Structures are given as C-alpha cells and as structure tokens.
Protein backbone atom coordinates (compact mmCIF):
# COMPACT_ATOMS: atom_id res chain seq x y z
CA MET A 1 98.89 59.76 63.42
CA ILE A 2 96.45 58.87 66.66
CA LYS A 3 92.43 59.65 65.73
CA GLY A 4 88.68 58.62 66.23
CA ARG A 5 88.23 55.87 68.94
CA GLN A 6 92.24 55.74 69.91
CA LEU A 7 92.06 59.34 70.64
CA VAL A 8 89.29 59.43 72.94
CA GLU A 9 90.39 56.53 74.49
CA LEU A 10 93.39 58.01 75.60
CA SER A 11 91.95 60.89 76.33
CA TYR A 12 89.91 59.22 79.13
CA ASP A 13 92.66 58.13 80.45
CA ILE A 14 94.01 61.22 80.81
CA GLN A 15 90.72 62.90 82.36
CA SER A 16 90.63 59.54 84.73
CA GLY A 17 94.40 59.59 85.78
CA LEU A 18 94.50 63.47 86.57
CA GLY A 19 90.95 63.71 88.34
CA ASN A 20 91.13 67.10 90.12
CA VAL A 21 95.09 68.47 89.31
CA ASP A 22 95.37 70.71 86.71
CA VAL A 23 97.60 70.46 83.62
CA PRO A 24 96.84 72.81 81.40
CA ASP A 25 98.95 70.95 78.76
CA PHE A 26 96.60 68.94 78.75
CA ASP A 27 93.31 71.31 78.44
CA SER A 28 91.75 69.95 75.03
CA MET A 29 92.58 66.53 75.81
CA ARG A 30 90.42 66.62 79.20
CA THR A 31 87.42 68.29 77.38
CA MET A 32 87.32 66.03 75.07
CA GLY A 33 87.86 63.15 78.31
CA MET A 34 84.85 64.97 80.46
CA SER A 35 82.60 64.61 76.97
CA ALA A 36 83.75 60.86 76.63
CA THR A 37 82.61 60.55 80.28
CA LEU A 38 79.20 62.45 80.57
CA ALA A 39 78.25 60.46 76.98
CA MET A 40 79.21 57.50 79.62
CA HIS A 41 76.88 58.08 82.47
CA LEU A 42 74.17 59.51 80.46
CA ARG A 43 73.80 56.94 78.34
CA GLY A 44 70.37 55.33 79.07
CA LEU A 45 69.33 58.25 81.72
CA PRO A 46 65.91 59.86 81.79
CA GLU A 47 65.59 63.92 81.21
CA ILE A 48 68.21 65.83 83.79
CA GLU A 49 67.88 69.46 85.56
CA TYR A 50 71.25 70.93 84.38
CA GLU A 51 71.91 72.30 88.26
CA VAL A 52 71.46 69.09 88.87
CA LEU A 53 74.45 67.58 86.85
CA ARG A 54 76.10 70.52 87.26
CA LYS A 55 76.19 70.36 91.27
CA VAL A 56 77.04 66.35 90.71
CA SER A 57 78.90 66.27 87.84
CA ASP A 58 82.67 67.08 89.76
CA PHE A 59 82.01 64.16 93.02
CA PHE A 60 80.66 61.30 90.72
CA PHE A 61 82.94 62.49 87.44
CA SER A 62 85.63 65.02 87.62
CA ILE A 63 83.85 67.26 85.91
CA PRO A 64 84.11 70.40 87.49
CA SER A 65 80.60 72.26 87.25
CA TYR A 66 82.78 75.43 85.01
CA ALA A 67 83.76 72.99 82.03
CA LEU A 68 80.33 71.15 82.31
CA LYS A 69 78.57 73.75 79.72
CA GLU A 70 81.67 72.84 77.16
CA SER A 71 81.22 69.31 77.49
CA LEU A 72 77.39 69.69 77.25
CA ASN A 73 77.85 71.89 74.14
CA ILE A 74 80.13 69.14 72.30
CA LEU A 75 77.85 65.95 72.51
CA ALA A 76 74.95 67.99 71.60
CA GLU A 77 76.77 69.34 68.28
CA ILE A 78 77.92 64.92 67.73
CA GLU A 79 74.11 64.64 68.90
CA TYR A 80 74.11 63.05 71.66
CA VAL A 81 71.90 64.69 73.96
CA GLN A 82 69.83 67.32 73.37
CA LEU A 83 69.49 70.48 75.81
CA VAL A 84 66.66 72.40 76.67
CA THR A 85 67.48 76.41 76.76
CA ASN A 86 66.28 78.96 78.07
CA GLY A 87 67.88 82.03 76.85
CA ALA A 88 71.01 81.34 77.06
CA LYS A 89 71.32 79.12 80.24
CA ILE A 90 70.45 75.93 80.05
CA VAL A 91 67.64 73.80 81.58
CA SER A 92 67.63 70.20 81.53
CA VAL A 93 69.39 67.44 79.08
CA ILE A 94 67.79 64.95 78.00
CA PRO A 95 70.66 62.44 76.95
CA ASP A 96 70.27 60.62 73.62
CA VAL A 97 73.81 58.95 73.22
CA PRO A 98 73.87 55.51 70.74
CA ARG A 99 73.25 52.59 73.15
CA PHE A 100 74.56 49.35 70.63
CA GLN A 101 77.02 52.01 69.05
CA ASP A 102 80.87 52.59 70.28
CA LEU A 103 80.09 55.69 71.67
CA TYR A 104 84.08 57.08 72.23
CA ASP A 105 83.95 56.99 67.71
CA GLY A 106 81.41 59.82 68.17
CA VAL A 107 83.66 62.41 70.20
CA GLY A 108 87.04 60.97 69.26
CA ASN A 109 85.62 62.13 65.20
CA TYR A 110 84.71 65.23 66.93
CA PHE A 111 88.56 65.99 67.66
CA THR A 112 92.11 66.26 65.79
CA PHE A 113 94.89 65.37 67.35
CA ALA A 114 96.06 68.56 65.79
CA GLU A 115 93.87 70.68 67.36
CA LEU A 116 94.27 69.01 70.50
CA THR A 117 98.28 69.81 70.94
CA THR A 118 97.35 73.31 69.89
CA THR A 119 96.60 75.86 73.15
CA THR A 120 93.69 78.22 71.51
CA ASN A 121 91.77 76.91 68.72
CA THR A 122 88.93 79.53 68.53
CA SER A 123 87.07 76.83 65.25
CA LYS A 124 85.42 74.68 67.48
CA GLY A 125 85.02 76.64 71.08
CA LEU A 126 88.02 75.46 72.32
CA TYR A 127 90.36 77.47 74.75
C-alpha cells in the first residue's frame, strides 16, 4: 500500500501533470497535491494576505481559488501554516513549513490511501 512520502509524491505529480484539467476521480489526490505544492511555495515566506494568495494561486500554482481554503486548512491542521481569521474568513496566512524536514512526510501522513480512493470522505472534510 502506498502511504506517506510516496503517496504525496504521486499526488503532487498528478496535480502538476493535470494542471487545470478536471478529473473528478482524482479530487482527493489533487487536494493532497495542491497542499504539497502550496507548502513548498510558502516555505520561508513571511505572512501573506489571503486575498493576495487567492488571486495568484491559480496562475502560479495551478490551485483554483475555490480549492485554496481546503488546502490551507489541511496545512493548518498539520501545523505547516497558521491562519489569521476574522470569524470564518481567512485574513492572512503565516507559513511555518519546516525548513530542514521533508514537507512531503507531513502532508502524506495526513491522508491514507483508502481516503484517496473513495469519492466521499467527511471525516477530514474531503469531498
């Protein structure tokens, strides 16, 4: 069974390869790939306004603005970012992605292969 680092590497490749092509069977894999992509690009950055990130995420990272919040919530859950919020609205993102640790392990350990092969998963907020 694929898990951890291997799983997130595969999902990153799928996300990178598909770009803006929508393939519903890979939704969860793409979410993982988007989270890994985002973590990679946020590593070492200072606090960034959410609206700025939302406006550039599709063009630079192939992360549609509607999927950004879910990816950020995953990264917040594994403590790779801190979200500054005002109620339910994200105001800014404070990256805290480990510099000298494999970021794929953290994202990969969040998911299991079984979760990625099902079409619906509400236990971790995946749709």
